[in-house]
N, C-alpha and C. Protein backbone atom coordinates (compact mmCIF):
# COMPACT_ATOMS: atom_id res chain seq x y z
N UNK A 1 12.87 1.70 -2.65
CA UNK A 1 14.07 0.52 -2.76
C UNK A 1 13.10 -0.58 -3.13
N UNK A 2 12.00 -0.58 -2.87
CA UNK A 2 11.24 -1.69 -3.32
C UNK A 2 10.63 -1.51 -4.46
N UNK A 3 11.74 -2.59 -4.98
CA UNK A 3 11.49 -3.02 -6.80
C UNK A 3 11.18 -4.57 -7.44
N UNK A 4 9.88 -4.74 -7.70
CA UNK A 4 8.86 -5.62 -7.73
C UNK A 4 9.55 -6.33 -9.24
N UNK A 5 10.08 -5.73 -9.93
CA UNK A 5 11.38 -5.96 -10.84
C UNK A 5 12.50 -6.71 -10.71
N UNK A 6 13.38 -6.48 -9.53
CA UNK A 6 14.45 -7.09 -9.36
C UNK A 6 14.56 -8.30 -9.20
N UNK A 7 15.61 -8.97 -9.79
CA UNK A 7 16.23 -10.27 -9.87
C UNK A 7 16.34 -11.11 -8.39
N UNK A 8 15.82 -12.10 -8.15
CA UNK A 8 16.79 -12.80 -6.74
C UNK A 8 18.24 -13.24 -7.30
N UNK A 9 18.66 -13.02 -5.91
CA UNK A 9 20.15 -13.44 -6.23
C UNK A 9 20.64 -14.27 -4.53
N UNK A 10 20.76 -15.56 -4.68
CA UNK A 10 20.62 -16.36 -3.88
C UNK A 10 21.35 -15.77 -2.35
N UNK A 11 20.41 -15.70 -1.20
CA UNK A 11 21.47 -15.16 -0.20
C UNK A 11 21.93 -14.24 -0.15
N UNK A 12 21.40 -13.14 -1.31
CA UNK A 12 21.58 -11.79 -1.25
C UNK A 12 20.75 -10.78 -1.15
N UNK A 13 19.94 -10.47 -2.03
CA UNK A 13 18.53 -10.04 -2.26
C UNK A 13 17.58 -9.72 -3.33
N UNK A 14 16.38 -9.81 -3.03
CA UNK A 14 15.21 -9.48 -3.93
C UNK A 14 14.64 -8.27 -3.44
N UNK A 15 14.10 -8.20 -4.83
CA UNK A 15 12.76 -6.78 -4.44
C UNK A 15 13.11 -5.74 -4.10
N UNK A 16 14.92 -5.50 -4.29
CA UNK A 16 15.42 -4.38 -4.40
C UNK A 16 15.79 -4.21 -2.29
N UNK A 17 15.34 -5.37 -2.00
CA UNK A 17 16.33 -5.36 -0.63
C UNK A 17 17.38 -6.30 -0.31
N UNK A 18 18.44 -5.82 0.72
CA UNK A 18 19.78 -6.90 0.76
C UNK A 18 19.45 -7.47 2.07
N UNK A 19 19.95 -8.52 1.95
CA UNK A 19 19.80 -9.48 3.04
C UNK A 19 21.00 -8.88 4.41
N UNK A 20 20.69 -8.74 5.70
CA UNK A 20 22.10 -8.24 6.23
C UNK A 20 21.45 -6.42 6.42
N UNK A 21 20.50 -5.93 5.99
CA UNK A 21 20.31 -4.97 6.09
C UNK A 21 19.49 -4.14 7.43
N UNK A 22 19.62 -3.06 7.81
CA UNK A 22 18.84 -2.73 9.30
C UNK A 22 17.32 -2.53 9.22
N UNK A 23 16.51 -2.86 10.01
CA UNK A 23 15.32 -2.43 9.65
C UNK A 23 14.98 -0.97 9.84
N UNK A 24 16.02 -0.16 10.09
CA UNK A 24 15.65 1.34 10.27
C UNK A 24 16.14 1.50 8.96
N UNK A 25 16.63 0.75 8.08
CA UNK A 25 17.01 1.13 6.64
C UNK A 25 15.76 1.11 5.69
N UNK A 26 14.68 0.79 6.27
CA UNK A 26 13.26 0.36 5.52
C UNK A 26 11.95 1.72 6.07
N UNK A 27 12.76 2.36 7.12
CA UNK A 27 11.62 3.25 7.87
C UNK A 27 10.83 4.00 6.86
N UNK A 28 11.35 4.50 5.92
CA UNK A 28 10.97 5.52 4.74
C UNK A 28 10.01 5.15 3.72
N UNK A 29 9.89 3.70 3.85
CA UNK A 29 8.45 2.73 3.14
C UNK A 29 7.40 2.96 4.29
N UNK A 30 7.80 3.13 5.17
CA UNK A 30 6.82 2.57 6.10
C UNK A 30 5.87 3.86 6.83
N UNK A 31 5.97 4.95 6.31
CA UNK A 31 4.78 6.09 6.66
C UNK A 31 3.64 5.14 6.51
N UNK A 32 2.82 5.43 7.31
CA UNK A 32 1.21 5.18 7.21
C UNK A 32 1.31 3.81 7.54
N UNK A 33 2.17 3.14 7.85
CA UNK A 33 1.75 1.74 7.44
C UNK A 33 1.05 1.24 9.05
N UNK A 34 0.21 0.04 8.94
CA UNK A 34 -0.13 -0.64 10.06
C UNK A 34 0.52 -1.17 10.86
N UNK A 35 0.57 -1.11 12.77
CA UNK A 35 1.66 -1.62 13.01
C UNK A 35 0.53 -2.69 14.19
N UNK A 36 1.13 -3.84 14.06
CA UNK A 36 0.60 -4.57 15.36
C UNK A 36 1.69 -6.14 16.07
N UNK A 37 0.97 -6.45 17.07
CA UNK A 37 2.17 -7.21 17.48
C UNK A 37 1.04 -8.37 17.16
N UNK A 38 1.93 -9.79 16.86
CA UNK A 38 0.56 -10.87 16.47
C UNK A 38 0.70 -11.53 17.85
N UNK A 39 -0.44 -12.27 18.12
CA UNK A 39 -1.33 -12.50 19.23
C UNK A 39 -2.07 -13.78 18.62
N UNK A 40 -2.19 -14.88 19.57
CA UNK A 40 -3.13 -16.16 18.92
C UNK A 40 -4.23 -15.31 18.55
N UNK A 41 -4.88 -15.98 17.28
CA UNK A 41 -5.99 -15.68 16.97
C UNK A 41 -5.90 -14.59 16.21
N UNK A 42 -4.72 -13.83 16.07
CA UNK A 42 -4.93 -12.49 15.33
C UNK A 42 -5.07 -13.08 13.16
N UNK A 43 -5.77 -12.54 12.87
CA UNK A 43 -6.49 -12.95 11.37
C UNK A 43 -5.58 -12.29 10.29
N UNK A 44 -4.61 -13.02 10.33
CA UNK A 44 -3.43 -12.52 9.11
C UNK A 44 -3.70 -12.76 7.72
N UNK A 45 -4.78 -13.40 7.20
CA UNK A 45 -5.32 -13.40 5.84
C UNK A 45 -6.33 -12.36 5.84
N UNK A 46 -6.77 -12.16 6.69
CA UNK A 46 -8.00 -10.97 6.93
C UNK A 46 -7.05 -9.85 6.46
N UNK A 47 -6.08 -9.78 7.69
CA UNK A 47 -5.20 -8.14 7.26
C UNK A 47 -5.03 -7.87 6.19
N UNK A 48 -3.97 -9.05 5.44
CA UNK A 48 -3.33 -8.97 4.61
C UNK A 48 -4.81 -8.70 3.23
N UNK A 49 -5.14 -9.54 3.11
CA UNK A 49 -7.07 -9.12 2.14
C UNK A 49 -7.34 -7.08 2.06
N UNK A 50 -7.15 -6.86 3.08
CA UNK A 50 -7.49 -5.52 3.35
C UNK A 50 -6.57 -4.60 3.20
N UNK A 51 -5.08 -5.60 3.48
CA UNK A 51 -3.56 -4.44 3.11
C UNK A 51 -3.53 -4.03 1.90
N UNK A 52 -3.17 -2.31 2.04
CA UNK A 52 -2.97 -1.81 0.22
C UNK A 52 -1.34 -1.16 0.88
N UNK A 53 -0.64 -1.01 1.79
CA UNK A 53 0.48 -0.43 2.07
C UNK A 53 1.74 -1.40 2.58
N UNK A 54 1.93 -1.41 3.56
CA UNK A 54 2.54 -1.87 4.42
C UNK A 54 1.86 -2.32 5.97
N UNK A 55 2.07 -3.67 5.90
CA UNK A 55 1.72 -4.16 7.49
C UNK A 55 2.88 -4.53 8.15
N UNK A 56 3.18 -3.92 9.90
CA UNK A 56 4.45 -3.77 10.18
C UNK A 56 3.73 -5.39 11.28
N UNK A 57 4.20 -6.36 11.42
CA UNK A 57 3.97 -7.17 12.40
C UNK A 57 5.01 -8.22 12.92
N UNK A 58 4.84 -7.77 14.36
CA UNK A 58 6.04 -7.96 15.50
C UNK A 58 5.77 -9.10 16.15
N UNK A 59 6.91 -9.98 16.51
CA UNK A 59 6.32 -11.12 17.18
C UNK A 59 5.94 -12.49 16.12
N UNK A 60 5.78 -12.41 14.79
CA UNK A 60 5.49 -13.31 14.35
C UNK A 60 6.56 -13.97 14.11
N UNK A 61 6.24 -15.53 14.20
CA UNK A 61 7.40 -16.44 13.64
C UNK A 61 8.31 -16.55 15.07
N UNK A 62 9.38 -15.99 15.26
CA UNK A 62 9.92 -15.89 16.54
C UNK A 62 9.82 -14.76 17.68
N UNK A 63 9.68 -15.27 18.89
CA UNK A 63 9.45 -13.50 19.59
C UNK A 63 10.78 -12.87 19.44
N UNK A 64 10.15 -11.54 19.10
CA UNK A 64 11.46 -10.65 18.86
C UNK A 64 11.48 -10.19 17.21
N UNK A 65 11.01 -11.42 16.63
CA UNK A 65 11.23 -10.74 15.39
C UNK A 65 10.28 -10.26 14.61
N UNK A 66 10.62 -9.21 13.54
CA UNK A 66 9.29 -8.34 13.12
C UNK A 66 9.33 -8.57 11.77
N UNK A 67 7.84 -8.60 11.10
CA UNK A 67 7.95 -9.06 9.91
C UNK A 67 6.94 -7.90 9.11
N UNK A 68 7.36 -7.86 7.66
CA UNK A 68 6.58 -6.60 7.45
C UNK A 68 6.32 -6.81 5.80
N UNK A 69 5.03 -6.95 5.70
CA UNK A 69 4.24 -7.29 4.42
C UNK A 69 3.73 -6.30 3.39
N UNK A 70 4.49 -6.26 2.36
CA UNK A 70 3.71 -4.94 1.40
C UNK A 70 2.52 -5.70 0.58
N UNK A 71 1.52 -4.65 0.23
CA UNK A 71 0.14 -5.13 -0.04
C UNK A 71 -0.50 -6.62 0.93
N UNK A 72 -1.08 -7.60 -0.42
CA UNK A 72 -1.53 -9.26 0.32
C UNK A 72 -0.26 -9.58 0.48
N UNK A 73 0.79 -9.86 0.81
CA UNK A 73 1.63 -10.47 0.80
C UNK A 73 2.58 -10.53 -0.85
N UNK A 74 3.06 -9.55 -1.37
CA UNK A 74 4.04 -9.46 -2.89
C UNK A 74 5.37 -10.15 -2.26
N UNK A 75 5.23 -9.44 -1.38
CA UNK A 75 6.88 -8.68 -0.83
C UNK A 75 6.65 -9.31 0.96
N UNK A 76 7.42 -10.03 1.83
CA UNK A 76 7.86 -10.18 2.95
C UNK A 76 9.09 -9.83 3.53
N UNK A 77 9.27 -8.84 4.59
CA UNK A 77 10.74 -9.12 5.06
C UNK A 77 10.78 -9.55 6.68
N UNK A 78 11.57 -10.09 6.90
CA UNK A 78 11.74 -10.75 8.27
C UNK A 78 12.91 -10.16 8.83
N UNK A 79 12.79 -9.58 9.73
CA UNK A 79 14.04 -8.98 10.35
C UNK A 79 13.78 -9.99 11.83
N UNK A 80 15.55 -10.09 11.99
CA UNK A 80 15.55 -10.50 13.48
C UNK A 80 15.44 -10.02 15.04
N UNK A 81 15.46 -10.18 16.09
CA UNK A 81 15.60 -9.55 17.04
C UNK A 81 16.07 -8.47 17.10
N UNK A 82 17.41 -8.58 16.29
CA UNK A 82 18.69 -7.98 16.45
C UNK A 82 18.46 -6.44 15.31
N UNK A 83 17.25 -6.70 14.77
CA UNK A 83 16.66 -5.69 13.68
C UNK A 83 17.13 -6.23 12.09
N UNK A 84 18.05 -6.96 11.74
CA UNK A 84 18.55 -7.64 10.89
C UNK A 84 17.74 -8.16 10.00
N UNK A 85 17.59 -8.08 8.92
CA UNK A 85 16.97 -9.02 7.33
C UNK A 85 17.63 -10.15 7.27
N UNK A 86 16.52 -11.34 7.61
CA UNK A 86 17.67 -12.38 7.51
C UNK A 86 16.72 -13.04 5.95
N UNK A 87 15.65 -12.27 5.54
CA UNK A 87 14.79 -13.45 4.59
C UNK A 87 13.94 -12.19 4.18
N UNK A 88 13.99 -12.85 2.66
CA UNK A 88 13.20 -11.71 1.87
C UNK A 88 11.97 -12.80 1.14
N UNK A 89 10.63 -13.17 1.19
CA UNK A 89 9.92 -13.85 0.74
C UNK A 89 8.81 -12.79 -0.55
N UNK A 90 9.16 -13.38 -1.67
CA UNK A 90 8.17 -13.00 -2.73
C UNK A 90 7.04 -14.15 -3.46
N UNK A 91 5.86 -13.47 -3.68
CA UNK A 91 5.08 -14.22 -3.36
C UNK A 91 4.38 -13.89 -5.09
N UNK A 92 3.00 -14.16 -5.43
CA UNK A 92 2.11 -13.55 -6.67
C UNK A 92 2.09 -12.08 -6.70
N UNK A 93 2.85 -11.57 -8.10
CA UNK A 93 2.34 -9.96 -7.86
C UNK A 93 4.25 -9.79 -8.14
N UNK A 94 4.89 -10.49 -7.95
CA UNK A 94 6.68 -10.42 -7.86
C UNK A 94 6.78 -10.29 -9.29
N UNK A 95 7.36 -9.69 -9.98
CA UNK A 95 7.96 -9.80 -11.37
C UNK A 95 9.52 -9.97 -11.67
N UNK A 96 10.30 -10.04 -10.71
CA UNK A 96 11.29 -10.63 -10.51
C UNK A 96 11.54 -12.12 -10.60
N UNK A 97 12.88 -12.44 -11.42
CA UNK A 97 13.02 -13.97 -11.32
C UNK A 97 14.19 -14.32 -11.17
N UNK A 98 14.55 -16.15 -10.58
CA UNK A 98 15.49 -16.35 -10.66
C UNK A 98 15.44 -17.49 -11.63
N UNK A 99 17.30 -17.47 -11.50
CA UNK A 99 17.37 -18.37 -13.12
C UNK A 99 16.03 -18.64 -14.02
N UNK A 100 15.86 -16.99 -14.82
CA UNK A 100 14.61 -16.66 -15.43
C UNK A 100 13.30 -17.53 -15.25
N UNK A 101 13.43 -18.00 -14.15
CA UNK A 101 12.20 -18.30 -13.84
C UNK A 101 11.36 -17.61 -12.76
N UNK A 102 10.16 -16.98 -13.11
CA UNK A 102 9.13 -16.26 -12.41
C UNK A 102 7.96 -16.88 -11.39
N UNK A 103 7.66 -16.29 -10.29
CA UNK A 103 6.49 -17.01 -9.74
C UNK A 103 5.32 -17.15 -10.35
N UNK A 104 4.87 -17.86 -10.39
CA UNK A 104 3.58 -18.77 -11.37
C UNK A 104 4.13 -19.51 -12.52
N UNK A 105 5.77 -19.09 -13.30
CA UNK A 105 6.10 -20.63 -13.83
C UNK A 105 5.94 -22.02 -13.33
N UNK A 106 5.91 -22.82 -14.01
CA UNK A 106 6.20 -24.53 -13.42
C UNK A 106 7.28 -24.93 -12.96
N UNK A 107 7.86 -25.68 -11.75
CA UNK A 107 8.70 -25.84 -11.20
C UNK A 107 9.77 -26.82 -11.58
N UNK A 108 9.15 -27.31 -12.84
CA UNK A 108 10.39 -28.04 -13.62
C UNK A 108 10.89 -27.06 -14.36
N UNK A 109 10.94 -26.22 -14.53
CA UNK A 109 11.87 -25.04 -15.15
C UNK A 109 13.05 -25.29 -14.25
N UNK A 110 12.70 -25.32 -13.39
CA UNK A 110 14.43 -25.08 -12.36
C UNK A 110 14.44 -26.63 -11.87
N UNK A 111 13.30 -27.80 -12.06
CA UNK A 111 14.27 -29.00 -11.25
C UNK A 111 14.58 -29.67 -12.41
N UNK A 112 14.54 -29.31 -13.84
CA UNK A 112 15.25 -29.78 -15.07
C UNK A 112 16.47 -29.44 -14.69
N UNK A 113 17.15 -28.52 -14.18
CA UNK A 113 18.45 -27.93 -14.12
C UNK A 113 19.39 -27.65 -13.02
N UNK A 114 18.61 -28.46 -11.54
CA UNK A 114 19.31 -28.28 -10.23
C UNK A 114 18.81 -29.22 -9.46
N UNK A 115 19.00 -30.00 -8.67
CA UNK A 115 18.38 -30.84 -8.05
C UNK A 115 17.91 -30.12 -6.55
N UNK A 116 16.35 -30.57 -6.62
CA UNK A 116 15.66 -30.23 -5.39
C UNK A 116 15.27 -30.75 -4.37
N UNK A 117 15.07 -30.72 -3.74
CA UNK A 117 14.19 -31.21 -2.13
C UNK A 117 13.27 -30.63 -1.65
N UNK A 118 12.02 -31.02 -1.12
CA UNK A 118 10.93 -30.06 -0.64
C UNK A 118 10.93 -31.12 0.74
N UNK A 119 11.26 -29.76 1.58
CA UNK A 119 11.26 -29.93 3.08
C UNK A 119 10.22 -29.78 3.83
N UNK A 120 9.16 -30.80 4.32
CA UNK A 120 7.83 -30.34 4.95
C UNK A 120 8.28 -29.68 5.85
N UNK A 121 8.93 -29.49 6.55
CA UNK A 121 8.77 -28.61 7.95
C UNK A 121 8.62 -27.40 7.21
N UNK A 122 9.56 -26.66 6.53
CA UNK A 122 9.55 -25.57 6.06
C UNK A 122 8.19 -25.18 4.78
N UNK A 123 7.85 -26.18 4.01
CA UNK A 123 7.17 -26.19 3.03
C UNK A 123 7.23 -25.67 1.74
N UNK A 124 9.14 -25.66 1.77
CA UNK A 124 9.48 -25.31 0.34
C UNK A 124 10.79 -26.13 -0.07
N UNK A 125 11.13 -26.03 -1.10
CA UNK A 125 11.91 -26.57 -1.75
C UNK A 125 13.34 -25.88 -1.88
N UNK A 126 14.43 -26.82 -1.65
CA UNK A 126 15.91 -26.48 -1.63
C UNK A 126 16.64 -26.69 -2.53
N UNK A 127 17.78 -25.93 -3.04
CA UNK A 127 18.82 -26.71 -4.46
C UNK A 127 19.44 -28.03 -3.20
N UNK A 128 19.99 -29.01 -4.13
CA UNK A 128 21.13 -29.89 -3.53
C UNK A 128 22.28 -29.82 -4.31
N UNK A 129 23.24 -30.08 -3.65
CA UNK A 129 24.68 -30.17 -4.00
C UNK A 129 24.71 -31.53 -4.54
N UNK A 130 26.37 -31.47 -4.87
CA UNK A 130 26.43 -32.72 -5.52
C UNK A 130 26.31 -33.72 -4.44
N UNK A 131 26.81 -33.45 -3.07
CA UNK A 131 26.33 -34.27 -2.11
C UNK A 131 25.12 -34.15 -1.16
N UNK A 132 24.19 -33.62 -1.74
CA UNK A 132 23.02 -34.15 -1.67
C UNK A 132 22.96 -32.85 -0.22
N UNK A 133 23.33 -32.51 0.08
CA UNK A 133 23.34 -31.30 1.39
C UNK A 133 22.57 -30.01 0.71
N UNK A 134 21.86 -29.19 1.42
CA UNK A 134 21.17 -28.10 0.67
C UNK A 134 22.08 -27.07 0.63
N UNK A 135 21.86 -26.16 -0.37
CA UNK A 135 22.78 -25.30 -1.05
C UNK A 135 21.63 -23.91 -0.33
N UNK A 136 22.23 -22.87 0.93
CA UNK A 136 21.76 -22.14 1.26
C UNK A 136 21.76 -20.81 0.34
N UNK A 137 20.77 -19.58 0.95
CA UNK A 137 20.65 -18.83 0.24
C UNK A 137 19.48 -18.68 -0.31
N UNK A 138 18.17 -19.81 -0.97
CA UNK A 138 17.05 -19.82 -1.81
C UNK A 138 16.54 -20.77 -1.50
N UNK A 139 15.02 -20.64 -1.32
CA UNK A 139 13.90 -21.85 -1.28
C UNK A 139 13.13 -21.62 -2.31
N UNK A 140 12.26 -22.30 -2.51
CA UNK A 140 11.30 -22.13 -3.87
C UNK A 140 10.03 -22.51 -2.81
N UNK A 141 8.98 -21.38 -2.67
CA UNK A 141 7.79 -21.88 -2.70
C UNK A 141 6.63 -22.93 -3.00
N UNK A 142 6.54 -23.85 -3.11
CA UNK A 142 5.56 -24.60 -4.31
C UNK A 142 4.82 -25.81 -3.48
N UNK A 143 4.30 -26.63 -3.86
CA UNK A 143 3.58 -27.44 -3.15
C UNK A 143 4.47 -28.63 -3.41
N UNK A 144 4.31 -29.75 -2.29
CA UNK A 144 5.03 -31.13 -2.63
C UNK A 144 4.63 -31.60 -3.51
N UNK A 145 5.24 -32.00 -4.88
CA UNK A 145 4.76 -32.62 -5.66
C UNK A 145 6.17 -33.58 -6.07
N UNK A 146 5.82 -35.28 -6.54
CA UNK A 146 6.39 -35.82 -7.13
C UNK A 146 7.18 -34.86 -8.45
N UNK A 147 8.30 -35.45 -8.79
CA UNK A 147 9.16 -35.11 -9.95
C UNK A 147 8.62 -34.79 -11.14
N UNK A 148 7.57 -35.85 -11.49
CA UNK A 148 7.02 -36.43 -12.72
C UNK A 148 5.88 -34.67 -12.85
N UNK A 149 5.48 -34.78 -11.90
CA UNK A 149 4.51 -33.85 -11.31
C UNK A 149 4.80 -32.08 -11.29
N UNK A 150 5.98 -31.98 -11.81
CA UNK A 150 6.44 -30.51 -11.31
C UNK A 150 6.40 -29.84 -13.05
N UNK A 151 5.99 -30.53 -13.96
CA UNK A 151 5.48 -29.72 -15.20
C UNK A 151 4.27 -29.00 -15.19
N UNK A 152 3.21 -29.41 -14.24
CA UNK A 152 2.06 -29.15 -13.65
C UNK A 152 2.19 -28.28 -12.21
N UNK A 153 3.41 -28.20 -11.85
CA UNK A 153 3.20 -27.38 -10.09
C UNK A 153 3.75 -25.87 -10.32
N UNK A 154 3.22 -25.11 -10.56
CA UNK A 154 3.51 -23.73 -10.14
C UNK A 154 4.45 -23.33 -8.89
N UNK A 155 5.51 -22.69 -9.37
CA UNK A 155 6.31 -21.83 -8.27
C UNK A 155 5.18 -20.86 -7.84
N UNK A 156 5.09 -20.82 -6.47
CA UNK A 156 4.25 -19.85 -5.36
C UNK A 156 4.71 -18.96 -5.08
N UNK A 157 6.39 -18.79 -4.96
CA UNK A 157 7.18 -17.58 -4.58
C UNK A 157 8.58 -18.38 -4.33
N UNK A 158 9.65 -17.27 -3.76
CA UNK A 158 10.73 -17.90 -3.76
C UNK A 158 10.86 -17.05 -2.00
N UNK A 159 11.98 -17.54 -1.20
CA UNK A 159 12.50 -17.22 -0.04
C UNK A 159 13.87 -17.21 0.07
N UNK A 160 14.49 -15.60 -0.01
CA UNK A 160 16.07 -15.09 -0.17
C UNK A 160 16.33 -15.22 1.33
N UNK A 161 17.34 -15.64 1.33
CA UNK A 161 17.45 -16.09 3.12
C UNK A 161 18.95 -16.21 3.09
N UNK A 162 19.12 -15.55 4.85
CA UNK A 162 20.55 -16.28 5.09
C UNK A 162 20.06 -16.56 6.54
N UNK A 163 19.61 -17.86 7.00
CA UNK A 163 19.39 -18.65 8.29
C UNK A 163 20.76 -17.99 9.23
N UNK A 164 21.60 -17.79 9.12
CA UNK A 164 22.55 -18.08 10.23
C UNK A 164 22.61 -16.49 10.83
N UNK A 165 21.71 -15.59 10.21
CA UNK A 165 21.65 -14.01 11.04
C UNK A 165 20.62 -13.97 12.19
N UNK A 166 19.54 -15.42 12.04
CA UNK A 166 18.59 -15.36 13.00
C UNK A 166 19.08 -16.62 14.15
N UNK A 167 19.96 -17.71 14.03
CA UNK A 167 20.86 -17.80 14.99
C UNK A 167 21.66 -17.16 15.90
N UNK A 168 22.11 -16.50 15.06
CA UNK A 168 23.48 -15.86 15.91
C UNK A 168 22.59 -14.34 16.38
N UNK A 169 21.46 -14.13 16.72
CA UNK A 169 20.89 -13.29 17.11
C UNK A 169 19.76 -13.75 18.49
N UNK A 170 19.90 -14.89 18.62
CA UNK A 170 19.10 -15.69 19.69
C UNK A 170 19.59 -15.47 20.56
């Protein structure tokens, strides 16, 4: 199921996982995984630096959510409190692409072909439609930069999502 070469499909899939699949459907990948509950003071960066397989972190984000980190956060799955996959993050080490643009490529490769807007709360770029509204399904993880700096701003990751999964189960 885990596929570091799979293309990203907005709102649908990334890394071999599909938005909407159940937490139980990935259990075969989690044998030997570290499991813990997120509590204030938990040192996530240290845990990820030591993570060689999968780390299951309950209550990271909103109460009841489960996040699964593969490796040092190459792929991260976020499940709703009801156990439904609503978000797939991919970062350095992921070899798939969106619109031919991989993690580490320059943001300008995307901003030249689509309108992007940085959301400071989410710290990600979202695609905009012709009316200036966010196009759901994918966000680009990169530092905020003026469009003139996108040629030197790397894509740090992607977030394939369906936010309605989290709203419908809270």
